[in-house]
Each structure stands twice: as structure tokens, then as C-alpha cells.
């Protein structure tokens, strides 16, 4: 056997190992996102308590502020904020060009966004931790879903904008907007508590495990090929 032919198994092993490793890296689950879900019924015309789950993704900075934007294209007539210990709350409002007609009369001014700010570093959301912030909103519109863009501010001064919409059939964007699913009247759709931030990444996790197994197999093949090459 020539030296060139002896090198072929080793080269093949290297290619397999590198390819499997790249596949494993690309298939690992995405980082946790800011999400929203209703803790009660979420149907058209109802009032829903919304829980915004905010995980800190950085390893060297804490979350110090969270700004939640109410849907601009579907204004909500009523927005109440649940006090959060250790955090201050700032509510911003805007005037409507056309008042909303409600059972209590027309509403010409609505909440545009709510800002939660940690009162001290001790109450900020540390790395590897998460917190939840609650709003009571309504009445919900007759729509399949509502997007609530959010800004997440870190102690290092950086701001992550969770405001990207997913295109139909396209992969989830890097920073998707927290989105509430609204079910038909009388249903419990969207009424569950926020799911684990990693649950949506289960398929990717399975693929990642398979890819890692392939990488290990490729490394074993590489070792066998190198050992045979040395014996030859």
C-alpha cells in the first residue's frame, strides 16, 4: 500500500470529524428568549393576565431593565401593572387618532409601553437566572395572536431588542418578539403558564445529540485509521 493510499482513511476520518462537529454546533438549541403567555383565559374580548418571562443570557452581565411595548396595531384599552418587588415601574401612554369604543365609553389614550427597572444590582436578574413580570390587559382583540416587542437592558449597557417577526415557513429569527396566542372564545388556548424557555428547542436538542454522537464516531474512525497507518 502506498503512503498516499494509507493517508486516505486518515483524511476521511478528519473530514468526518470536522463535518460532524460543525453539524453539532449548528444544531445546538438556541438561547433562551423573552417570552409571554397568559396565566388565564386568552380569548377575544377577555381580560388576560400576561406573564413576561425574562432570562439573562449573558454570563458576565445582569438584566437591569425590561421595556415591554404594547401592540401598536391592536391597541389595548386597559393595561394594569402588577408591582414587582425590587423593581420600579414606569408607564408611558399615547393618544389615539381614533378612540377605541368600549363598554365603558370611548378611550382616546392607551398605554404604549411599560418599563421595569431594577432598584439595585441585588434585585437585577443575574446570569443563569430568570424573572417574570405581569400585566393585566384587555379586552383582547379578535386576532390569532399579539406581538409584544421588548427591550432587555444589561448591566454592561448593552440592549437586546426582541422585536423580530418570524416569516411563514422560515426558521425562528434570532430575536423574536414575545407573542401571545389568542384562542377562540371559551377555549383555554394560550392560557397555560409560560413554558420552559428551552422547550421549543427540543427538536434541535435531539438533532444536536445525534450530531455529537456522529462526531464521536468519526473521531473513533479517525483514531483507527491513524493507528492502521502507523502500523503500515
C-alpha atoms as a PDB file:
ATOM      1  CA  UNK A   1       0.000   0.000   0.000  1.00  0.00           C
ATOM      2  CA  UNK A   2       1.382   3.397  -0.956  1.00  0.00           C
ATOM      3  CA  UNK A   3       1.767   6.245   1.538  1.00  0.00           C
ATOM      4  CA  UNK A   4      -0.911   8.166  -0.326  1.00  0.00           C
ATOM      5  CA  UNK A   5      -3.447   5.348  -0.062  1.00  0.00           C
ATOM      6  CA  UNK A   6      -2.588   4.908   3.633  1.00  0.00           C
ATOM      7  CA  UNK A   7      -3.404   8.594   4.208  1.00  0.00           C
ATOM      8  CA  UNK A   8      -6.837   8.339   2.643  1.00  0.00           C
ATOM      9  CA  UNK A   9      -8.555   6.745   5.686  1.00  0.00           C
ATOM     10  CA  UNK A  10      -6.968   9.335   7.966  1.00  0.00           C
ATOM     11  CA  UNK A  11      -8.112  12.192   5.733  1.00  0.00           C
ATOM     12  CA  UNK A  12     -11.581  10.700   5.544  1.00  0.00           C
ATOM     13  CA  UNK A  13     -11.676  10.484   9.317  1.00  0.00           C
ATOM     14  CA  UNK A  14     -10.642  14.123   9.636  1.00  0.00           C
ATOM     15  CA  UNK A  15     -13.361  15.223   7.219  1.00  0.00           C
ATOM     16  CA  UNK A  16     -15.977  13.178   9.058  1.00  0.00           C
ATOM     17  CA  UNK A  17     -14.921  14.555  12.415  1.00  0.00           C
ATOM     18  CA  UNK A  18     -14.921  18.178  11.248  1.00  0.00           C
ATOM     19  CA  UNK A  19     -18.243  17.797   9.429  1.00  0.00           C
ATOM     20  CA  UNK A  20     -19.925  16.140  12.397  1.00  0.00           C
ATOM     21  CA  UNK A  21     -18.580  18.766  14.773  1.00  0.00           C
ATOM     22  CA  UNK A  22     -19.901  21.580  12.574  1.00  0.00           C
ATOM     23  CA  UNK A  23     -23.267  19.851  12.368  1.00  0.00           C
ATOM     24  CA  UNK A  24     -23.358  19.529  16.135  1.00  0.00           C
ATOM     25  CA  UNK A  25     -22.576  23.210  16.644  1.00  0.00           C
ATOM     26  CA  UNK A  26     -25.227  24.270  14.161  1.00  0.00           C
ATOM     27  CA  UNK A  27     -27.851  22.022  15.698  1.00  0.00           C
ATOM     28  CA  UNK A  28     -27.426  23.075  19.312  1.00  0.00           C
ATOM     29  CA  UNK A  29     -30.570  24.674  20.830  1.00  0.00           C
ATOM     30  CA  UNK A  30     -30.984  28.426  20.578  1.00  0.00           C
ATOM     31  CA  UNK A  31     -30.500  30.562  23.651  1.00  0.00           C
ATOM     32  CA  UNK A  32     -33.435  31.297  25.889  1.00  0.00           C
ATOM     33  CA  UNK A  33     -35.727  34.080  24.701  1.00  0.00           C
ATOM     34  CA  UNK A  34     -38.010  36.640  26.326  1.00  0.00           C
ATOM     35  CA  UNK A  35     -41.481  35.080  26.109  1.00  0.00           C
ATOM     36  CA  UNK A  36     -45.074  35.903  27.028  1.00  0.00           C
ATOM     37  CA  UNK A  37     -48.026  33.699  27.950  1.00  0.00           C
ATOM     38  CA  UNK A  38     -51.381  34.146  29.627  1.00  0.00           C
ATOM     39  CA  UNK A  39     -51.918  32.745  33.117  1.00  0.00           C
ATOM     40  CA  UNK A  40     -55.673  32.637  32.495  1.00  0.00           C
ATOM     41  CA  UNK A  41     -58.027  32.579  29.550  1.00  0.00           C
ATOM     42  CA  UNK A  42     -56.801  34.355  26.427  1.00  0.00           C
ATOM     43  CA  UNK A  43     -59.730  34.739  24.050  1.00  0.00           C
ATOM     44  CA  UNK A  44     -61.230  37.635  22.089  1.00  0.00           C
ATOM     45  CA  UNK A  45     -62.986  40.122  24.335  1.00  0.00           C
ATOM     46  CA  UNK A  46     -61.456  38.758  27.546  1.00  0.00           C
ATOM     47  CA  UNK A  47     -59.032  40.299  30.021  1.00  0.00           C
ATOM     48  CA  UNK A  48     -55.840  38.275  30.457  1.00  0.00           C
ATOM     49  CA  UNK A  49     -53.003  38.328  32.945  1.00  0.00           C
ATOM     50  CA  UNK A  50     -49.788  38.132  30.941  1.00  0.00           C
ATOM     51  CA  UNK A  51     -46.524  36.815  32.347  1.00  0.00           C
ATOM     52  CA  UNK A  52     -43.352  38.005  30.597  1.00  0.00           C
ATOM     53  CA  UNK A  53     -40.503  35.609  31.294  1.00  0.00           C
ATOM     54  CA  UNK A  54     -37.071  37.238  31.049  1.00  0.00           C
ATOM     55  CA  UNK A  55     -33.935  35.057  31.242  1.00  0.00           C
ATOM     56  CA  UNK A  56     -30.448  36.547  31.422  1.00  0.00           C
ATOM     57  CA  UNK A  57     -28.456  35.080  28.547  1.00  0.00           C
ATOM     58  CA  UNK A  58     -25.111  36.744  29.265  1.00  0.00           C
ATOM     59  CA  UNK A  59     -22.548  35.147  31.556  1.00  0.00           C
ATOM     60  CA  UNK A  60     -20.917  38.397  32.652  1.00  0.00           C
ATOM     61  CA  UNK A  61     -23.828  40.848  32.993  1.00  0.00           C
ATOM     62  CA  UNK A  62     -27.212  41.064  34.716  1.00  0.00           C
ATOM     63  CA  UNK A  63     -30.559  42.224  33.357  1.00  0.00           C
ATOM     64  CA  UNK A  64     -31.289  45.636  34.859  1.00  0.00           C
ATOM     65  CA  UNK A  65     -34.335  46.801  32.869  1.00  0.00           C
ATOM     66  CA  UNK A  66     -37.122  45.376  30.733  1.00  0.00           C
ATOM     67  CA  UNK A  67     -39.270  47.513  28.436  1.00  0.00           C
ATOM     68  CA  UNK A  68     -42.448  45.895  27.117  1.00  0.00           C
ATOM     69  CA  UNK A  69     -44.226  47.520  24.158  1.00  0.00           C
ATOM     70  CA  UNK A  70     -47.972  47.056  23.786  1.00  0.00           C
ATOM     71  CA  UNK A  71     -49.214  46.174  20.270  1.00  0.00           C
ATOM     72  CA  UNK A  72     -49.263  49.358  18.200  1.00  0.00           C
ATOM     73  CA  UNK A  73     -51.607  47.964  15.544  1.00  0.00           C
ATOM     74  CA  UNK A  74     -54.023  46.465  18.114  1.00  0.00           C
ATOM     75  CA  UNK A  75     -54.189  48.998  20.991  1.00  0.00           C
ATOM     76  CA  UNK A  76     -55.482  47.662  24.302  1.00  0.00           C
ATOM     77  CA  UNK A  77     -57.949  49.850  26.174  1.00  0.00           C
ATOM     78  CA  UNK A  78     -56.940  48.646  29.634  1.00  0.00           C
ATOM     79  CA  UNK A  79     -53.440  47.848  30.916  1.00  0.00           C
ATOM     80  CA  UNK A  80     -52.644  47.337  34.610  1.00  0.00           C
ATOM     81  CA  UNK A  81     -49.211  46.566  36.032  1.00  0.00           C
ATOM     82  CA  UNK A  82     -48.565  44.123  38.860  1.00  0.00           C
ATOM     83  CA  UNK A  83     -45.967  45.572  41.260  1.00  0.00           C
ATOM     84  CA  UNK A  84     -42.680  43.681  41.229  1.00  0.00           C
ATOM     85  CA  UNK A  85     -40.609  43.659  44.452  1.00  0.00           C
ATOM     86  CA  UNK A  86     -37.217  45.269  43.985  1.00  0.00           C
ATOM     87  CA  UNK A  87     -38.182  46.882  40.685  1.00  0.00           C
ATOM     88  CA  UNK A  88     -39.712  50.256  39.786  1.00  0.00           C
ATOM     89  CA  UNK A  89     -42.374  50.636  37.105  1.00  0.00           C
ATOM     90  CA  UNK A  90     -42.783  53.417  34.561  1.00  0.00           C
ATOM     91  CA  UNK A  91     -45.877  53.568  32.349  1.00  0.00           C
ATOM     92  CA  UNK A  92     -45.903  55.519  29.100  1.00  0.00           C
ATOM     93  CA  UNK A  93     -49.094  56.450  27.240  1.00  0.00           C
ATOM     94  CA  UNK A  94     -50.006  57.720  23.793  1.00  0.00           C
ATOM     95  CA  UNK A  95     -53.030  59.408  22.261  1.00  0.00           C
ATOM     96  CA  UNK A  96     -55.063  57.569  19.643  1.00  0.00           C
ATOM     97  CA  UNK A  97     -56.019  59.163  16.348  1.00  0.00           C
ATOM     98  CA  UNK A  98     -59.327  57.308  16.598  1.00  0.00           C
ATOM     99  CA  UNK A  99     -60.738  56.480  20.062  1.00  0.00           C
ATOM    100  CA  UNK A 100     -61.485  52.879  20.999  1.00  0.00           C
ATOM    101  CA  UNK A 101     -65.133  52.108  21.658  1.00  0.00           C
ATOM    102  CA  UNK A 102     -65.548  50.102  24.851  1.00  0.00           C
ATOM    103  CA  UNK A 103     -68.421  49.141  27.165  1.00  0.00           C
ATOM    104  CA  UNK A 104     -67.307  51.967  29.464  1.00  0.00           C
ATOM    105  CA  UNK A 105     -67.234  54.536  26.700  1.00  0.00           C
ATOM    106  CA  UNK A 106     -64.612  55.773  24.209  1.00  0.00           C
ATOM    107  CA  UNK A 107     -60.916  55.540  25.136  1.00  0.00           C
ATOM    108  CA  UNK A 108     -58.655  58.110  23.489  1.00  0.00           C
ATOM    109  CA  UNK A 109     -55.401  57.322  25.332  1.00  0.00           C
ATOM    110  CA  UNK A 110     -53.745  53.934  25.847  1.00  0.00           C
ATOM    111  CA  UNK A 111     -50.526  52.548  27.325  1.00  0.00           C
ATOM    112  CA  UNK A 112     -47.742  52.381  24.740  1.00  0.00           C
ATOM    113  CA  UNK A 113     -45.078  50.670  26.836  1.00  0.00           C
ATOM    114  CA  UNK A 114     -44.119  49.695  30.373  1.00  0.00           C
ATOM    115  CA  UNK A 115     -40.573  49.832  31.757  1.00  0.00           C
ATOM    116  CA  UNK A 116     -39.460  47.667  34.680  1.00  0.00           C
ATOM    117  CA  UNK A 117     -36.150  48.787  36.251  1.00  0.00           C
ATOM    118  CA  UNK A 118     -34.167  47.037  38.973  1.00  0.00           C
ATOM    119  CA  UNK A 119     -33.754  49.233  42.046  1.00  0.00           C
ATOM    120  CA  UNK A 120     -30.281  47.870  42.784  1.00  0.00           C
ATOM    121  CA  UNK A 121     -27.763  45.306  41.494  1.00  0.00           C
ATOM    122  CA  UNK A 122     -29.066  42.922  44.150  1.00  0.00           C
ATOM    123  CA  UNK A 123     -32.521  42.800  42.540  1.00  0.00           C
ATOM    124  CA  UNK A 124     -31.287  42.604  38.926  1.00  0.00           C
ATOM    125  CA  UNK A 125     -31.603  39.277  37.093  1.00  0.00           C
ATOM    126  CA  UNK A 126     -28.200  37.614  37.448  1.00  0.00           C
ATOM    127  CA  UNK A 127     -26.614  35.312  34.842  1.00  0.00           C
ATOM    128  CA  UNK A 128     -28.231  31.871  34.607  1.00  0.00           C
ATOM    129  CA  UNK A 129     -31.400  33.261  36.258  1.00  0.00           C
ATOM    130  CA  UNK A 130     -34.786  34.494  35.032  1.00  0.00           C
ATOM    131  CA  UNK A 131     -37.690  36.527  36.362  1.00  0.00           C
ATOM    132  CA  UNK A 132     -41.309  37.184  35.388  1.00  0.00           C
ATOM    133  CA  UNK A 133     -43.249  40.433  35.083  1.00  0.00           C
ATOM    134  CA  UNK A 134     -47.055  40.603  34.909  1.00  0.00           C
ATOM    135  CA  UNK A 135     -49.553  42.818  33.117  1.00  0.00           C
ATOM    136  CA  UNK A 136     -53.353  42.618  33.113  1.00  0.00           C
ATOM    137  CA  UNK A 137     -54.618  43.658  29.683  1.00  0.00           C
ATOM    138  CA  UNK A 138     -57.842  43.719  27.743  1.00  0.00           C
ATOM    139  CA  UNK A 139     -60.173  43.388  26.145  1.00  0.00           C
ATOM    140  CA  UNK A 140     -58.191  41.194  23.756  1.00  0.00           C
ATOM    141  CA  UNK A 141     -58.920  41.786  20.059  1.00  0.00           C
ATOM    142  CA  UNK A 142     -60.357  39.210  17.679  1.00  0.00           C
ATOM    143  CA  UNK A 143     -56.957  38.194  16.311  1.00  0.00           C
ATOM    144  CA  UNK A 144     -54.975  34.945  16.260  1.00  0.00           C
ATOM    145  CA  UNK A 145     -52.037  36.444  18.134  1.00  0.00           C
ATOM    146  CA  UNK A 146     -50.494  39.606  19.559  1.00  0.00           C
ATOM    147  CA  UNK A 147     -46.826  40.573  19.479  1.00  0.00           C
ATOM    148  CA  UNK A 148     -45.267  42.394  22.440  1.00  0.00           C
ATOM    149  CA  UNK A 149     -41.786  43.617  21.409  1.00  0.00           C
ATOM    150  CA  UNK A 150     -39.395  44.069  24.322  1.00  0.00           C
ATOM    151  CA  UNK A 151     -36.049  45.689  25.084  1.00  0.00           C
ATOM    152  CA  UNK A 152     -33.755  43.922  27.550  1.00  0.00           C
ATOM    153  CA  UNK A 153     -31.068  46.124  29.137  1.00  0.00           C
ATOM    154  CA  UNK A 154     -27.944  44.639  30.700  1.00  0.00           C
ATOM    155  CA  UNK A 155     -25.635  45.971  33.395  1.00  0.00           C
ATOM    156  CA  UNK A 156     -22.859  46.406  30.813  1.00  0.00           C
ATOM    157  CA  UNK A 157     -25.004  48.954  28.967  1.00  0.00           C
ATOM    158  CA  UNK A 158     -25.997  46.735  26.051  1.00  0.00           C
ATOM    159  CA  UNK A 159     -29.622  46.443  24.937  1.00  0.00           C
ATOM    160  CA  UNK A 160     -31.170  43.434  23.203  1.00  0.00           C
ATOM    161  CA  UNK A 161     -34.293  44.228  21.158  1.00  0.00           C
ATOM    162  CA  UNK A 162     -36.725  41.311  20.986  1.00  0.00           C
ATOM    163  CA  UNK A 163     -38.723  42.627  18.035  1.00  0.00           C
ATOM    164  CA  UNK A 164     -38.279  40.315  15.057  1.00  0.00           C
ATOM    165  CA  UNK A 165     -41.263  38.656  13.400  1.00  0.00           C
ATOM    166  CA  UNK A 166     -40.965  35.130  12.029  1.00  0.00           C
ATOM    167  CA  UNK A 167     -41.828  34.776   8.350  1.00  0.00           C
ATOM    168  CA  UNK A 168     -44.222  31.909   7.475  1.00  0.00           C
ATOM    169  CA  UNK A 169     -42.236  28.730   6.936  1.00  0.00           C
ATOM    170  CA  UNK A 170     -38.938  30.387   7.876  1.00  0.00           C
ATOM    171  CA  UNK A 171     -36.745  29.477  10.857  1.00  0.00           C
ATOM    172  CA  UNK A 172     -37.236  31.394  14.089  1.00  0.00           C
ATOM    173  CA  UNK A 173     -35.339  34.719  13.986  1.00  0.00           C
ATOM    174  CA  UNK A 174     -32.503  35.417  16.382  1.00  0.00           C
ATOM    175  CA  UNK A 175     -34.528  37.864  18.489  1.00  0.00           C
ATOM    176  CA  UNK A 176     -38.238  37.035  18.066  1.00  0.00           C
ATOM    177  CA  UNK A 177     -40.932  39.231  19.569  1.00  0.00           C
ATOM    178  CA  UNK A 178     -42.733  37.736  22.565  1.00  0.00           C
ATOM    179  CA  UNK A 179     -46.022  36.623  21.024  1.00  0.00           C
ATOM    180  CA  UNK A 180     -49.291  35.705  22.713  1.00  0.00           C
ATOM    181  CA  UNK A 181     -51.586  33.165  21.047  1.00  0.00           C
ATOM    182  CA  UNK A 182     -55.278  34.060  21.313  1.00  0.00           C
ATOM    183  CA  UNK A 183     -57.700  31.162  21.197  1.00  0.00           C
ATOM    184  CA  UNK A 184     -61.397  31.064  20.257  1.00  0.00           C
ATOM    185  CA  UNK A 185     -63.886  32.317  22.828  1.00  0.00           C
ATOM    186  CA  UNK A 186     -64.338  29.757  25.569  1.00  0.00           C
ATOM    187  CA  UNK A 187     -61.109  27.893  24.823  1.00  0.00           C
ATOM    188  CA  UNK A 188     -58.028  27.575  27.002  1.00  0.00           C
ATOM    189  CA  UNK A 189     -55.586  28.195  24.169  1.00  0.00           C
ATOM    190  CA  UNK A 190     -52.723  30.378  25.356  1.00  0.00           C
ATOM    191  CA  UNK A 191     -53.893  30.111  28.957  1.00  0.00           C
ATOM    192  CA  UNK A 192     -51.069  27.925  30.197  1.00  0.00           C
ATOM    193  CA  UNK A 193     -48.207  29.352  32.206  1.00  0.00           C
ATOM    194  CA  UNK A 194     -45.110  30.224  30.190  1.00  0.00           C
ATOM    195  CA  UNK A 195     -43.389  27.075  29.009  1.00  0.00           C
ATOM    196  CA  UNK A 196     -39.797  26.344  29.848  1.00  0.00           C
ATOM    197  CA  UNK A 197     -37.664  28.633  27.734  1.00  0.00           C
ATOM    198  CA  UNK A 198     -35.859  25.647  26.270  1.00  0.00           C
ATOM    199  CA  UNK A 199     -38.916  23.545  25.433  1.00  0.00           C
ATOM    200  CA  UNK A 200     -39.276  24.970  21.920  1.00  0.00           C
ATOM    201  CA  UNK A 201     -35.744  23.816  21.193  1.00  0.00           C
ATOM    202  CA  UNK A 202     -36.412  20.117  21.878  1.00  0.00           C
ATOM    203  CA  UNK A 203     -36.127  19.035  18.194  1.00  0.00           C
ATOM    204  CA  UNK A 204     -32.866  20.938  17.860  1.00  0.00           C
ATOM    205  CA  UNK A 205     -31.603  19.289  21.045  1.00  0.00           C
ATOM    206  CA  UNK A 206     -32.307  15.825  19.628  1.00  0.00           C
ATOM    207  CA  UNK A 207     -30.529  16.711  16.391  1.00  0.00           C
ATOM    208  CA  UNK A 208     -27.628  18.104  18.393  1.00  0.00           C
ATOM    209  CA  UNK A 209     -27.283  14.866  20.376  1.00  0.00           C
ATOM    210  CA  UNK A 210     -27.302  12.812  17.169  1.00  0.00           C
ATOM    211  CA  UNK A 211     -24.703  15.112  15.618  1.00  0.00           C
ATOM    212  CA  UNK A 212     -22.477  14.824  18.679  1.00  0.00           C
ATOM    213  CA  UNK A 213     -22.758  11.032  18.530  1.00  0.00           C
ATOM    214  CA  UNK A 214     -21.711  11.158  14.875  1.00  0.00           C
ATOM    215  CA  UNK A 215     -18.760  13.365  15.824  1.00  0.00           C
ATOM    216  CA  UNK A 216     -17.631  10.825  18.432  1.00  0.00           C
ATOM    217  CA  UNK A 217     -17.980   8.004  15.895  1.00  0.00           C
ATOM    218  CA  UNK A 218     -15.992   9.994  13.354  1.00  0.00           C
ATOM    219  CA  UNK A 219     -13.212  10.573  15.883  1.00  0.00           C
ATOM    220  CA  UNK A 220     -13.088   6.854  16.635  1.00  0.00           C
ATOM    221  CA  UNK A 221     -12.791   6.118  12.919  1.00  0.00           C
ATOM    222  CA  UNK A 222     -10.053   8.698  12.692  1.00  0.00           C
ATOM    223  CA  UNK A 223      -8.161   7.038  15.538  1.00  0.00           C
ATOM    224  CA  UNK A 224      -8.475   3.618  13.922  1.00  0.00           C
ATOM    225  CA  UNK A 225      -7.309   4.996  10.562  1.00  0.00           C
ATOM    226  CA  UNK A 226      -4.273   6.695  12.124  1.00  0.00           C
ATOM    227  CA  UNK A 227      -3.379   3.551  14.068  1.00  0.00           C
ATOM    228  CA  UNK A 228      -3.547   1.412  10.927  1.00  0.00           C
ATOM    229  CA  UNK A 229      -1.491   3.960   9.064  1.00  0.00           C
ATOM    230  CA  UNK A 230       1.271   3.828  11.681  1.00  0.00           C
ATOM    231  CA  UNK A 231       1.300   0.005  11.671  1.00  0.00           C
ATOM    232  CA  UNK A 232       1.623   0.027   7.904  1.00  0.00           C
END
